[in-house]
Amino acid sequence: MPDIKTGDLVRVCALDELDPESPLRVTIGDEPIALVKTAEGEVHAIGDRCSHGDISLSEGFVEGCTLECWAHGSKFDLKTGRPLTLPAYEPVAVYHVEVRDGDVYINSKGTLAQG
């Protein structure tokens, strides 16, 4: 649960709360977000709802820099939010992430990939 807000950045958790390749669902306001630390240690945040169906992506599977929806298998690029496989064809929002002093902050305003 967010507890510190600085501008548009919201603290969502401590970095050590994230297990590699194990998505964590966080919420900013009423917006669910899937927070992912890759095996390489990069932290990404994307909208938690698959654009193909109302399915939580944070219950999905991480492989490299993708998050796969557990229900229908669509894979989303963690950097752009773009779907890489069908049946999803619409992107999900991505959120800017900053790690500071062992804490993870997310920009509360997500953006959609263009084109």
C-alpha atoms as a PDB file:
ATOM      1  CA  MET A   1       0.000   0.000   0.000  1.00  0.00           C
ATOM      2  CA  PRO A   2       1.439   3.386  -0.938  1.00  0.00           C
ATOM      3  CA  ASP A   3       2.478   5.457   2.060  1.00  0.00           C
ATOM      4  CA  ILE A   4       4.713   8.280   0.788  1.00  0.00           C
ATOM      5  CA  LYS A   5       3.942  10.633  -2.087  1.00  0.00           C
ATOM      6  CA  THR A   6       6.522  12.986  -3.623  1.00  0.00           C
ATOM      7  CA  GLY A   7       5.165  14.830  -6.654  1.00  0.00           C
ATOM      8  CA  ASP A   8       3.847  12.114  -8.947  1.00  0.00           C
ATOM      9  CA  LEU A   9       6.087   9.434  -7.403  1.00  0.00           C
ATOM     10  CA  VAL A  10       4.486   7.120  -4.872  1.00  0.00           C
ATOM     11  CA  ARG A  11       6.386   4.725  -2.620  1.00  0.00           C
ATOM     12  CA  VAL A  12       4.854   1.278  -3.081  1.00  0.00           C
ATOM     13  CA  CYS A  13       7.207  -1.133  -1.269  1.00  0.00           C
ATOM     14  CA  ALA A  14      10.746  -1.896  -0.190  1.00  0.00           C
ATOM     15  CA  LEU A  15      12.959  -3.382  -2.908  1.00  0.00           C
ATOM     16  CA  ASP A  16      13.617  -6.465  -0.786  1.00  0.00           C
ATOM     17  CA  GLU A  17       9.875  -7.229  -0.820  1.00  0.00           C
ATOM     18  CA  LEU A  18      10.184  -8.081  -4.523  1.00  0.00           C
ATOM     19  CA  ASP A  19      11.250 -11.595  -5.419  1.00  0.00           C
ATOM     20  CA  PRO A  20      12.813 -11.962  -8.867  1.00  0.00           C
ATOM     21  CA  GLU A  21      10.318 -13.104 -11.510  1.00  0.00           C
ATOM     22  CA  SER A  22       7.445 -13.084  -9.010  1.00  0.00           C
ATOM     23  CA  PRO A  23       4.992 -10.243  -9.797  1.00  0.00           C
ATOM     24  CA  LEU A  24       3.537  -8.210  -6.950  1.00  0.00           C
ATOM     25  CA  ARG A  25       0.180  -6.453  -7.216  1.00  0.00           C
ATOM     26  CA  VAL A  26       0.180  -2.926  -5.814  1.00  0.00           C
ATOM     27  CA  THR A  27      -2.486  -0.250  -5.984  1.00  0.00           C
ATOM     28  CA  ILE A  28      -2.150   3.507  -6.381  1.00  0.00           C
ATOM     29  CA  GLY A  29      -5.499   5.105  -5.694  1.00  0.00           C
ATOM     30  CA  ASP A  30      -7.842   2.658  -7.406  1.00  0.00           C
ATOM     31  CA  GLU A  31      -5.335   1.669 -10.133  1.00  0.00           C
ATOM     32  CA  PRO A  32      -3.974  -1.904  -9.866  1.00  0.00           C
ATOM     33  CA  ILE A  33      -0.362  -2.245 -11.035  1.00  0.00           C
ATOM     34  CA  ALA A  34       1.811  -5.329 -11.583  1.00  0.00           C
ATOM     35  CA  LEU A  35       5.283  -4.704 -10.167  1.00  0.00           C
ATOM     36  CA  VAL A  36       8.029  -7.016 -11.455  1.00  0.00           C
ATOM     37  CA  LYS A  37      11.705  -7.494 -10.651  1.00  0.00           C
ATOM     38  CA  THR A  38      13.407  -9.413 -13.448  1.00  0.00           C
ATOM     39  CA  ALA A  39      16.114 -12.024 -12.899  1.00  0.00           C
ATOM     40  CA  GLU A  40      18.595  -9.290 -13.901  1.00  0.00           C
ATOM     41  CA  GLY A  41      17.296  -7.055 -11.088  1.00  0.00           C
ATOM     42  CA  GLU A  42      15.445  -4.497 -13.231  1.00  0.00           C
ATOM     43  CA  VAL A  43      12.149  -3.288 -11.746  1.00  0.00           C
ATOM     44  CA  HIS A  44       9.160  -2.600 -14.010  1.00  0.00           C
ATOM     45  CA  ALA A  45       5.536  -1.617 -13.438  1.00  0.00           C
ATOM     46  CA  ILE A  46       2.651  -2.172 -15.864  1.00  0.00           C
ATOM     47  CA  GLY A  47      -1.122  -2.051 -15.607  1.00  0.00           C
ATOM     48  CA  ASP A  48      -2.356  -5.139 -13.787  1.00  0.00           C
ATOM     49  CA  ARG A  49      -5.263  -5.898 -16.129  1.00  0.00           C
ATOM     50  CA  CYS A  50      -4.738  -7.878 -19.332  1.00  0.00           C
ATOM     51  CA  SER A  51      -6.089  -5.895 -22.273  1.00  0.00           C
ATOM     52  CA  HIS A  52      -7.680  -9.066 -23.675  1.00  0.00           C
ATOM     53  CA  GLY A  53      -9.765  -9.835 -20.594  1.00  0.00           C
ATOM     54  CA  ASP A  54     -10.263  -8.662 -17.055  1.00  0.00           C
ATOM     55  CA  ILE A  55      -7.428 -10.862 -15.752  1.00  0.00           C
ATOM     56  CA  SER A  56      -4.782  -9.856 -13.202  1.00  0.00           C
ATOM     57  CA  LEU A  57      -1.351  -9.858 -14.845  1.00  0.00           C
ATOM     58  CA  SER A  58       0.331  -9.982 -11.438  1.00  0.00           C
ATOM     59  CA  GLU A  59      -0.826 -13.604 -11.246  1.00  0.00           C
ATOM     60  CA  GLY A  60       1.056 -14.334 -14.470  1.00  0.00           C
ATOM     61  CA  PHE A  61       4.505 -15.586 -15.382  1.00  0.00           C
ATOM     62  CA  VAL A  62       7.701 -13.588 -15.875  1.00  0.00           C
ATOM     63  CA  GLU A  63      10.172 -14.614 -18.550  1.00  0.00           C
ATOM     64  CA  GLY A  64      13.001 -12.255 -19.387  1.00  0.00           C
ATOM     65  CA  CYS A  65      11.408  -8.842 -19.847  1.00  0.00           C
ATOM     66  CA  THR A  66       7.868 -10.141 -20.438  1.00  0.00           C
ATOM     67  CA  LEU A  67       4.842 -10.843 -18.266  1.00  0.00           C
ATOM     68  CA  GLU A  68       2.482 -13.542 -19.511  1.00  0.00           C
ATOM     69  CA  CYS A  69      -1.220 -13.569 -18.692  1.00  0.00           C
ATOM     70  CA  TRP A  70      -1.970 -16.859 -16.963  1.00  0.00           C
ATOM     71  CA  ALA A  71      -5.432 -17.185 -18.533  1.00  0.00           C
ATOM     72  CA  HIS A  72      -4.884 -16.894 -22.287  1.00  0.00           C
ATOM     73  CA  GLY A  73      -1.098 -16.697 -22.717  1.00  0.00           C
ATOM     74  CA  SER A  74      -0.682 -13.151 -24.038  1.00  0.00           C
ATOM     75  CA  LYS A  75       2.801 -11.851 -23.262  1.00  0.00           C
ATOM     76  CA  PHE A  76       3.383  -8.155 -22.545  1.00  0.00           C
ATOM     77  CA  ASP A  77       6.678  -6.301 -22.861  1.00  0.00           C
ATOM     78  CA  LEU A  78       7.515  -4.933 -19.407  1.00  0.00           C
ATOM     79  CA  LYS A  79       9.238  -1.862 -20.886  1.00  0.00           C
ATOM     80  CA  THR A  80       6.544  -0.767 -23.348  1.00  0.00           C
ATOM     81  CA  GLY A  81       3.339  -2.514 -22.241  1.00  0.00           C
ATOM     82  CA  ARG A  82       2.852  -3.775 -25.797  1.00  0.00           C
ATOM     83  CA  PRO A  83       1.413  -7.256 -26.272  1.00  0.00           C
ATOM     84  CA  LEU A  84       3.895  -9.575 -27.978  1.00  0.00           C
ATOM     85  CA  THR A  85       1.487 -12.470 -28.542  1.00  0.00           C
ATOM     86  CA  LEU A  86      -2.217 -12.895 -29.229  1.00  0.00           C
ATOM     87  CA  PRO A  87      -4.989 -12.885 -28.221  1.00  0.00           C
ATOM     88  CA  ALA A  88      -4.220  -9.447 -26.694  1.00  0.00           C
ATOM     89  CA  TYR A  89      -3.601  -6.696 -29.226  1.00  0.00           C
ATOM     90  CA  GLU A  90      -3.989  -3.561 -27.080  1.00  0.00           C
ATOM     91  CA  PRO A  91      -1.117  -2.330 -24.868  1.00  0.00           C
ATOM     92  CA  VAL A  92      -1.360  -1.915 -21.112  1.00  0.00           C
ATOM     93  CA  ALA A  93      -0.102   1.165 -19.275  1.00  0.00           C
ATOM     94  CA  VAL A  94       3.505   1.333 -18.130  1.00  0.00           C
ATOM     95  CA  TYR A  95       4.667   3.281 -15.100  1.00  0.00           C
ATOM     96  CA  HIS A  96       8.028   4.936 -14.517  1.00  0.00           C
ATOM     97  CA  VAL A  97       9.853   3.217 -11.636  1.00  0.00           C
ATOM     98  CA  GLU A  98      12.595   4.621  -9.416  1.00  0.00           C
ATOM     99  CA  VAL A  99      14.490   2.768  -6.712  1.00  0.00           C
ATOM    100  CA  ARG A 100      15.826   5.030  -3.965  1.00  0.00           C
ATOM    101  CA  ASP A 101      17.458   4.050  -0.695  1.00  0.00           C
ATOM    102  CA  GLY A 102      16.031   0.535  -0.928  1.00  0.00           C
ATOM    103  CA  ASP A 103      12.471   1.668  -1.669  1.00  0.00           C
ATOM    104  CA  VAL A 104      10.481   1.361  -4.914  1.00  0.00           C
ATOM    105  CA  TYR A 105       8.612   4.399  -6.203  1.00  0.00           C
ATOM    106  CA  ILE A 106       6.182   4.468  -9.131  1.00  0.00           C
ATOM    107  CA  ASN A 107       4.969   7.464 -11.107  1.00  0.00           C
ATOM    108  CA  SER A 108       1.244   7.554 -10.366  1.00  0.00           C
ATOM    109  CA  LYS A 109       0.463   8.406 -14.010  1.00  0.00           C
ATOM    110  CA  GLY A 110       0.852   5.519 -16.431  1.00  0.00           C
ATOM    111  CA  THR A 111       1.408   5.918 -20.158  1.00  0.00           C
ATOM    112  CA  LEU A 112       0.298   3.808 -23.120  1.00  0.00           C
ATOM    113  CA  ALA A 113       2.657   2.805 -25.921  1.00  0.00           C
ATOM    114  CA  GLN A 114       1.994   4.655 -29.152  1.00  0.00           C
ATOM    115  CA  GLY A 115       1.801   2.978 -32.554  1.00  0.00           C
END
